[in-house]
PDB file of N, CA and C in Angstrom:
ATOM      1  N   UNK A   1       3.176  35.178  -4.991  1.00  0.00           N
ATOM      2  CA  UNK A   1       3.813  34.182  -5.843  1.00  0.00           C
ATOM      3  C   UNK A   1       3.505  34.492  -7.295  1.00  0.00           C
ATOM      4  N   UNK A   2       4.440  34.119  -8.123  1.00  0.00           N
ATOM      5  CA  UNK A   2       4.236  34.344  -9.550  1.00  0.00           C
ATOM      6  C   UNK A   2       3.349  33.242 -10.117  1.00  0.00           C
ATOM      7  N   UNK A   3       2.899  33.455 -11.323  1.00  0.00           N
ATOM      8  CA  UNK A   3       2.030  32.475 -11.983  1.00  0.00           C
ATOM      9  C   UNK A   3       2.758  31.156 -12.196  1.00  0.00           C
ATOM     10  N   UNK A   4       4.017  31.221 -12.566  1.00  0.00           N
ATOM     11  CA  UNK A   4       4.798  30.002 -12.802  1.00  0.00           C
ATOM     12  C   UNK A   4       4.971  29.217 -11.496  1.00  0.00           C
ATOM     13  N   UNK A   5       5.238  29.927 -10.412  1.00  0.00           N
ATOM     14  CA  UNK A   5       5.383  29.272  -9.113  1.00  0.00           C
ATOM     15  C   UNK A   5       4.066  28.638  -8.676  1.00  0.00           C
ATOM     16  N   UNK A   6       2.961  29.298  -8.944  1.00  0.00           N
ATOM     17  CA  UNK A   6       1.648  28.742  -8.597  1.00  0.00           C
ATOM     18  C   UNK A   6       1.374  27.456  -9.371  1.00  0.00           C
ATOM     19  N   UNK A   7       1.747  27.427 -10.637  1.00  0.00           N
ATOM     20  CA  UNK A   7       1.545  26.222 -11.455  1.00  0.00           C
ATOM     21  C   UNK A   7       2.380  25.073 -10.921  1.00  0.00           C
ATOM     22  N   UNK A   8       3.628  25.341 -10.567  1.00  0.00           N
ATOM     23  CA  UNK A   8       4.499  24.294 -10.032  1.00  0.00           C
ATOM     24  C   UNK A   8       3.953  23.794  -8.697  1.00  0.00           C
ATOM     25  N   UNK A   9       3.515  24.708  -7.851  1.00  0.00           N
ATOM     26  CA  UNK A   9       2.940  24.328  -6.566  1.00  0.00           C
ATOM     27  C   UNK A   9       1.703  23.452  -6.763  1.00  0.00           C
ATOM     28  N   UNK A  10       0.840  23.823  -7.687  1.00  0.00           N
ATOM     29  CA  UNK A  10      -0.364  23.053  -7.971  1.00  0.00           C
ATOM     30  C   UNK A  10      -0.009  21.646  -8.456  1.00  0.00           C
ATOM     31  N   UNK A  11       0.974  21.530  -9.328  1.00  0.00           N
ATOM     32  CA  UNK A  11       1.382  20.212  -9.825  1.00  0.00           C
ATOM     33  C   UNK A  11       1.958  19.352  -8.704  1.00  0.00           C
ATOM     34  N   UNK A  12       2.732  19.943  -7.811  1.00  0.00           N
ATOM     35  CA  UNK A  12       3.276  19.182  -6.686  1.00  0.00           C
ATOM     36  C   UNK A  12       2.178  18.684  -5.757  1.00  0.00           C
ATOM     37  N   UNK A  13       1.201  19.525  -5.494  1.00  0.00           N
ATOM     38  CA  UNK A  13       0.077  19.112  -4.649  1.00  0.00           C
ATOM     39  C   UNK A  13      -0.715  18.001  -5.332  1.00  0.00           C
ATOM     40  N   UNK A  14      -0.928  18.122  -6.613  1.00  0.00           N
ATOM     41  CA  UNK A  14      -1.645  17.098  -7.368  1.00  0.00           C
ATOM     42  C   UNK A  14      -0.904  15.764  -7.322  1.00  0.00           C
ATOM     43  N   UNK A  15       0.400  15.785  -7.498  1.00  0.00           N
ATOM     44  CA  UNK A  15       1.189  14.554  -7.424  1.00  0.00           C
ATOM     45  C   UNK A  15       1.122  13.935  -6.035  1.00  0.00           C
ATOM     46  N   UNK A  16       1.137  14.752  -5.018  1.00  0.00           N
ATOM     47  CA  UNK A  16       1.043  14.250  -3.653  1.00  0.00           C
ATOM     48  C   UNK A  16      -0.297  13.560  -3.416  1.00  0.00           C
ATOM     49  N   UNK A  17      -1.369  14.152  -3.876  1.00  0.00           N
ATOM     50  CA  UNK A  17      -2.708  13.573  -3.702  1.00  0.00           C
ATOM     51  C   UNK A  17      -2.826  12.252  -4.462  1.00  0.00           C
ATOM     52  N   UNK A  18      -2.327  12.205  -5.673  1.00  0.00           N
ATOM     53  CA  UNK A  18      -2.411  10.977  -6.477  1.00  0.00           C
ATOM     54  C   UNK A  18      -1.584   9.865  -5.843  1.00  0.00           C
ATOM     55  N   UNK A  19      -0.398  10.177  -5.355  1.00  0.00           N
ATOM     56  CA  UNK A  19       0.436   9.142  -4.743  1.00  0.00           C
ATOM     57  C   UNK A  19      -0.193   8.629  -3.451  1.00  0.00           C
ATOM     58  N   UNK A  20      -0.841   9.486  -2.683  1.00  0.00           N
ATOM     59  CA  UNK A  20      -1.504   9.050  -1.459  1.00  0.00           C
ATOM     60  C   UNK A  20      -2.708   8.173  -1.772  1.00  0.00           C
ATOM     61  N   UNK A  21      -3.408   8.450  -2.846  1.00  0.00           N
ATOM     62  CA  UNK A  21      -4.554   7.625  -3.229  1.00  0.00           C
ATOM     63  C   UNK A  21      -4.090   6.215  -3.578  1.00  0.00           C
ATOM     64  N   UNK A  22      -2.956   6.095  -4.259  1.00  0.00           N
ATOM     65  CA  UNK A  22      -2.416   4.781  -4.598  1.00  0.00           C
ATOM     66  C   UNK A  22      -1.963   4.047  -3.349  1.00  0.00           C
ATOM     67  N   UNK A  23      -1.383   4.752  -2.404  1.00  0.00           N
ATOM     68  CA  UNK A  23      -0.920   4.129  -1.168  1.00  0.00           C
ATOM     69  C   UNK A  23      -2.094   3.590  -0.359  1.00  0.00           C
ATOM     70  N   UNK A  24      -3.176   4.293  -0.358  1.00  0.00           N
ATOM     71  CA  UNK A  24      -4.345   3.847   0.392  1.00  0.00           C
ATOM     72  C   UNK A  24      -4.963   2.625  -0.271  1.00  0.00           C
ATOM     73  N   UNK A  25      -4.948   2.555  -1.574  1.00  0.00           N
ATOM     74  CA  UNK A  25      -5.654   1.468  -2.238  1.00  0.00           C
ATOM     75  C   UNK A  25      -5.022   0.104  -1.974  1.00  0.00           C
ATOM     76  N   UNK A  26      -3.685  -0.044  -2.066  1.00  0.00           N
ATOM     77  CA  UNK A  26      -3.113  -1.365  -1.818  1.00  0.00           C
ATOM     78  C   UNK A  26      -3.138  -1.710  -0.335  1.00  0.00           C
ATOM     79  N   UNK A  27      -3.032  -0.699   0.523  1.00  0.00           N
ATOM     80  CA  UNK A  27      -3.129  -0.936   1.960  1.00  0.00           C
ATOM     81  C   UNK A  27      -4.554  -1.349   2.327  1.00  0.00           C
ATOM     82  N   UNK A  28      -5.532  -0.698   1.742  1.00  0.00           N
ATOM     83  CA  UNK A  28      -6.929  -1.051   2.016  1.00  0.00           C
ATOM     84  C   UNK A  28      -7.234  -2.468   1.541  1.00  0.00           C
ATOM     85  N   UNK A  29      -6.696  -2.854   0.403  1.00  0.00           N
ATOM     86  CA  UNK A  29      -6.920  -4.217  -0.099  1.00  0.00           C
ATOM     87  C   UNK A  29      -6.304  -5.251   0.845  1.00  0.00           C
ATOM     88  N   UNK A  30      -5.128  -4.937   1.390  1.00  0.00           N
ATOM     89  CA  UNK A  30      -4.490  -5.850   2.337  1.00  0.00           C
ATOM     90  C   UNK A  30      -5.352  -6.008   3.583  1.00  0.00           C
ATOM     91  N   UNK A  31      -5.797  -4.901   4.137  1.00  0.00           N
ATOM     92  CA  UNK A  31      -6.610  -4.956   5.353  1.00  0.00           C
ATOM     93  C   UNK A  31      -7.955  -5.629   5.083  1.00  0.00           C
ATOM     94  N   UNK A  32      -8.507  -5.397   3.898  1.00  0.00           N
ATOM     95  CA  UNK A  32      -9.794  -6.007   3.548  1.00  0.00           C
ATOM     96  C   UNK A  32      -9.679  -7.528   3.479  1.00  0.00           C
ATOM     97  N   UNK A  33      -8.512  -8.012   3.043  1.00  0.00           N
ATOM     98  CA  UNK A  33      -8.322  -9.458   2.946  1.00  0.00           C
ATOM     99  C   UNK A  33      -7.746 -10.038   4.240  1.00  0.00           C
ATOM    100  N   UNK A  34      -7.870  -9.298   5.344  1.00  0.00           N
ATOM    101  CA  UNK A  34      -7.451  -9.729   6.685  1.00  0.00           C
ATOM    102  C   UNK A  34      -5.937  -9.884   6.807  1.00  0.00           C
ATOM    103  N   UNK A  35      -5.180  -9.115   6.027  1.00  0.00           N
ATOM    104  CA  UNK A  35      -3.726  -9.134   6.140  1.00  0.00           C
ATOM    105  C   UNK A  35      -3.243  -8.030   7.044  1.00  0.00           C
ATOM    106  N   UNK A  36      -1.931  -8.031   7.316  1.00  0.00           N
ATOM    107  CA  UNK A  36      -1.337  -6.957   8.093  1.00  0.00           C
ATOM    108  C   UNK A  36      -0.089  -6.472   7.371  1.00  0.00           C
ATOM    109  N   UNK A  37       0.155  -5.182   7.422  1.00  0.00           N
ATOM    110  CA  UNK A  37       1.283  -4.571   6.724  1.00  0.00           C
ATOM    111  C   UNK A  37       2.531  -4.625   7.587  1.00  0.00           C
ATOM    112  N   UNK A  38       3.660  -4.963   6.963  1.00  0.00           N
ATOM    113  CA  UNK A  38       4.922  -5.043   7.685  1.00  0.00           C
ATOM    114  C   UNK A  38       6.027  -4.455   6.823  1.00  0.00           C
ATOM    115  N   UNK A  39       6.797  -3.519   7.404  1.00  0.00           N
ATOM    116  CA  UNK A  39       7.920  -2.939   6.677  1.00  0.00           C
ATOM    117  C   UNK A  39       9.137  -3.860   6.704  1.00  0.00           C
ATOM    118  N   UNK A  40       9.190  -4.765   7.661  1.00  0.00           N
ATOM    119  CA  UNK A  40      10.298  -5.712   7.768  1.00  0.00           C
ATOM    120  C   UNK A  40       9.826  -7.068   7.253  1.00  0.00           C
ATOM    121  N   UNK A  41      10.462  -8.121   7.706  1.00  0.00           N
ATOM    122  CA  UNK A  41      10.022  -9.456   7.331  1.00  0.00           C
ATOM    123  C   UNK A  41       8.645  -9.747   7.922  1.00  0.00           C
ATOM    124  N   UNK A  42       7.908 -10.614   7.269  1.00  0.00           N
ATOM    125  CA  UNK A  42       6.614 -11.025   7.821  1.00  0.00           C
ATOM    126  C   UNK A  42       6.862 -11.832   9.094  1.00  0.00           C
ATOM    127  N   UNK A  43       5.944 -11.751  10.069  1.00  0.00           N
ATOM    128  CA  UNK A  43       6.097 -12.534  11.291  1.00  0.00           C
ATOM    129  C   UNK A  43       6.114 -14.037  11.004  1.00  0.00           C
ATOM    130  N   UNK A  44       6.533 -14.805  11.992  1.00  0.00           N
ATOM    131  CA  UNK A  44       6.617 -16.255  11.853  1.00  0.00           C
ATOM    132  C   UNK A  44       5.259 -16.835  11.473  1.00  0.00           C
ATOM    133  N   UNK A  45       5.268 -17.821  10.612  1.00  0.00           N
ATOM    134  CA  UNK A  45       4.083 -18.522  10.112  1.00  0.00           C
ATOM    135  C   UNK A  45       3.204 -17.639   9.227  1.00  0.00           C
ATOM    136  N   UNK A  46       3.785 -16.589   8.679  1.00  0.00           N
ATOM    137  CA  UNK A  46       3.070 -15.747   7.728  1.00  0.00           C
ATOM    138  C   UNK A  46       3.947 -15.546   6.501  1.00  0.00           C
ATOM    139  N   UNK A  47       3.308 -15.242   5.392  1.00  0.00           N
ATOM    140  CA  UNK A  47       4.054 -14.977   4.163  1.00  0.00           C
ATOM    141  C   UNK A  47       3.523 -13.722   3.493  1.00  0.00           C
ATOM    142  N   UNK A  48       4.369 -13.115   2.667  1.00  0.00           N
ATOM    143  CA  UNK A  48       3.981 -11.907   1.947  1.00  0.00           C
ATOM    144  C   UNK A  48       3.121 -12.297   0.753  1.00  0.00           C
ATOM    145  N   UNK A  49       1.946 -11.705   0.648  1.00  0.00           N
ATOM    146  CA  UNK A  49       1.047 -12.022  -0.457  1.00  0.00           C
ATOM    147  C   UNK A  49       0.883 -10.854  -1.428  1.00  0.00           C
ATOM    148  N   UNK A  50       1.116  -9.627  -0.957  1.00  0.00           N
ATOM    149  CA  UNK A  50       1.044  -8.443  -1.819  1.00  0.00           C
ATOM    150  C   UNK A  50       1.801  -7.317  -1.126  1.00  0.00           C
ATOM    151  N   UNK A  51       1.489  -6.073  -1.455  1.00  0.00           N
ATOM    152  CA  UNK A  51       2.204  -4.940  -0.874  1.00  0.00           C
ATOM    153  C   UNK A  51       1.246  -3.993  -0.149  1.00  0.00           C
ATOM    154  N   UNK A  52       1.838  -3.088   0.624  1.00  0.00           N
ATOM    155  CA  UNK A  52       1.118  -2.028   1.325  1.00  0.00           C
ATOM    156  C   UNK A  52       1.865  -0.724   1.129  1.00  0.00           C
ATOM    157  N   UNK A  53       1.192   0.380   1.410  1.00  0.00           N
ATOM    158  CA  UNK A  53       1.803   1.708   1.363  1.00  0.00           C
ATOM    159  C   UNK A  53       2.542   1.956   0.043  1.00  0.00           C
ATOM    160  N   UNK A  54       1.841   1.690  -1.039  1.00  0.00           N
ATOM    161  CA  UNK A  54       2.351   1.950  -2.380  1.00  0.00           C
ATOM    162  C   UNK A  54       3.629   1.168  -2.669  1.00  0.00           C
ATOM    163  N   UNK A  55       3.679  -0.066  -2.211  1.00  0.00           N
ATOM    164  CA  UNK A  55       4.808  -0.946  -2.490  1.00  0.00           C
ATOM    165  C   UNK A  55       5.951  -0.851  -1.506  1.00  0.00           C
ATOM    166  N   UNK A  56       5.851  -0.031  -0.486  1.00  0.00           N
ATOM    167  CA  UNK A  56       6.949   0.128   0.471  1.00  0.00           C
ATOM    168  C   UNK A  56       6.954  -0.948   1.551  1.00  0.00           C
ATOM    169  N   UNK A  57       5.834  -1.616   1.772  1.00  0.00           N
ATOM    170  CA  UNK A  57       5.727  -2.641   2.807  1.00  0.00           C
ATOM    171  C   UNK A  57       5.100  -3.897   2.210  1.00  0.00           C
ATOM    172  N   UNK A  58       5.142  -4.968   2.982  1.00  0.00           N
ATOM    173  CA  UNK A  58       4.572  -6.244   2.556  1.00  0.00           C
ATOM    174  C   UNK A  58       3.228  -6.468   3.252  1.00  0.00           C
ATOM    175  N   UNK A  59       2.327  -7.100   2.546  1.00  0.00           N
ATOM    176  CA  UNK A  59       1.063  -7.529   3.141  1.00  0.00           C
ATOM    177  C   UNK A  59       1.248  -8.983   3.567  1.00  0.00           C
ATOM    178  N   UNK A  60       1.253  -9.226   4.867  1.00  0.00           N
ATOM    179  CA  UNK A  60       1.520 -10.550   5.409  1.00  0.00           C
ATOM    180  C   UNK A  60       0.224 -11.239   5.822  1.00  0.00           C
ATOM    181  N   UNK A  61       0.146 -12.514   5.480  1.00  0.00           N
ATOM    182  CA  UNK A  61      -1.027 -13.312   5.840  1.00  0.00           C
ATOM    183  C   UNK A  61      -0.561 -14.680   6.311  1.00  0.00           C
ATOM    184  N   UNK A  62      -1.316 -15.317   7.203  1.00  0.00           N
ATOM    185  CA  UNK A  62      -0.945 -16.661   7.673  1.00  0.00           C
ATOM    186  C   UNK A  62      -0.915 -17.659   6.518  1.00  0.00           C
ATOM    187  N   UNK A  63      -0.056 -18.662   6.642  1.00  0.00           N
ATOM    188  CA  UNK A  63       0.034 -19.697   5.609  1.00  0.00           C
ATOM    189  C   UNK A  63      -1.288 -20.419   5.416  1.00  0.00           C
ATOM    190  N   UNK A  64      -2.037 -20.598   6.508  1.00  0.00           N
ATOM    191  CA  UNK A  64      -3.271 -21.384   6.457  1.00  0.00           C
ATOM    192  C   UNK A  64      -4.508 -20.579   6.094  1.00  0.00           C
ATOM    193  N   UNK A  65      -4.352 -19.285   5.835  1.00  0.00           N
ATOM    194  CA  UNK A  65      -5.494 -18.447   5.489  1.00  0.00           C
ATOM    195  C   UNK A  65      -6.001 -18.770   4.090  1.00  0.00           C
ATOM    196  N   UNK A  66      -7.325 -18.907   3.897  1.00  0.00           N
ATOM    197  CA  UNK A  66      -7.864 -19.211   2.563  1.00  0.00           C
ATOM    198  C   UNK A  66      -7.519 -18.116   1.541  1.00  0.00           C
ATOM    199  N   UNK A  67      -7.529 -16.851   1.954  1.00  0.00           N
ATOM    200  CA  UNK A  67      -7.212 -15.810   0.988  1.00  0.00           C
ATOM    201  C   UNK A  67      -5.716 -15.768   0.686  1.00  0.00           C
ATOM    202  N   UNK A  68      -4.862 -16.267   1.578  1.00  0.00           N
ATOM    203  CA  UNK A  68      -3.420 -16.333   1.297  1.00  0.00           C
ATOM    204  C   UNK A  68      -3.159 -17.369   0.200  1.00  0.00           C
ATOM    205  N   UNK A  69      -3.952 -18.418   0.182  1.00  0.00           N
ATOM    206  CA  UNK A  69      -3.782 -19.436  -0.856  1.00  0.00           C
ATOM    207  C   UNK A  69      -4.172 -18.909  -2.234  1.00  0.00           C
ATOM    208  N   UNK A  70      -5.061 -17.923  -2.262  1.00  0.00           N
ATOM    209  CA  UNK A  70      -5.485 -17.338  -3.534  1.00  0.00           C
ATOM    210  C   UNK A  70      -4.619 -16.151  -3.930  1.00  0.00           C
ATOM    211  N   UNK A  71      -3.597 -15.845  -3.163  1.00  0.00           N
ATOM    212  CA  UNK A  71      -2.743 -14.711  -3.483  1.00  0.00           C
ATOM    213  C   UNK A  71      -3.231 -13.414  -2.886  1.00  0.00           C
ATOM    214  N   UNK A  72      -4.050 -13.468  -1.856  1.00  0.00           N
ATOM    215  CA  UNK A  72      -4.489 -12.272  -1.163  1.00  0.00           C
ATOM    216  C   UNK A  72      -5.663 -11.551  -1.794  1.00  0.00           C
ATOM    217  N   UNK A  73      -6.289 -12.098  -2.805  1.00  0.00           N
ATOM    218  CA  UNK A  73      -7.417 -11.396  -3.454  1.00  0.00           C
ATOM    219  C   UNK A  73      -8.669 -12.210  -3.334  1.00  0.00           C
TER     220      UNK A  73
END
């Protein structure tokens, strides 16, 4: 590979790693606050309080959960 191709490859790998780190952080926060991630609508008697997988899914929590009343944090 040429030097230019190596630089482009390195930048793509770096972007992939950074985007995965962001995806893990909001998903981890959801799981830490006892929520569950859903790509579709939240199940019955639950509401979306934040996001998962870098904003692609919803973090669903029961209406009666104390952390759901605080906004999931």
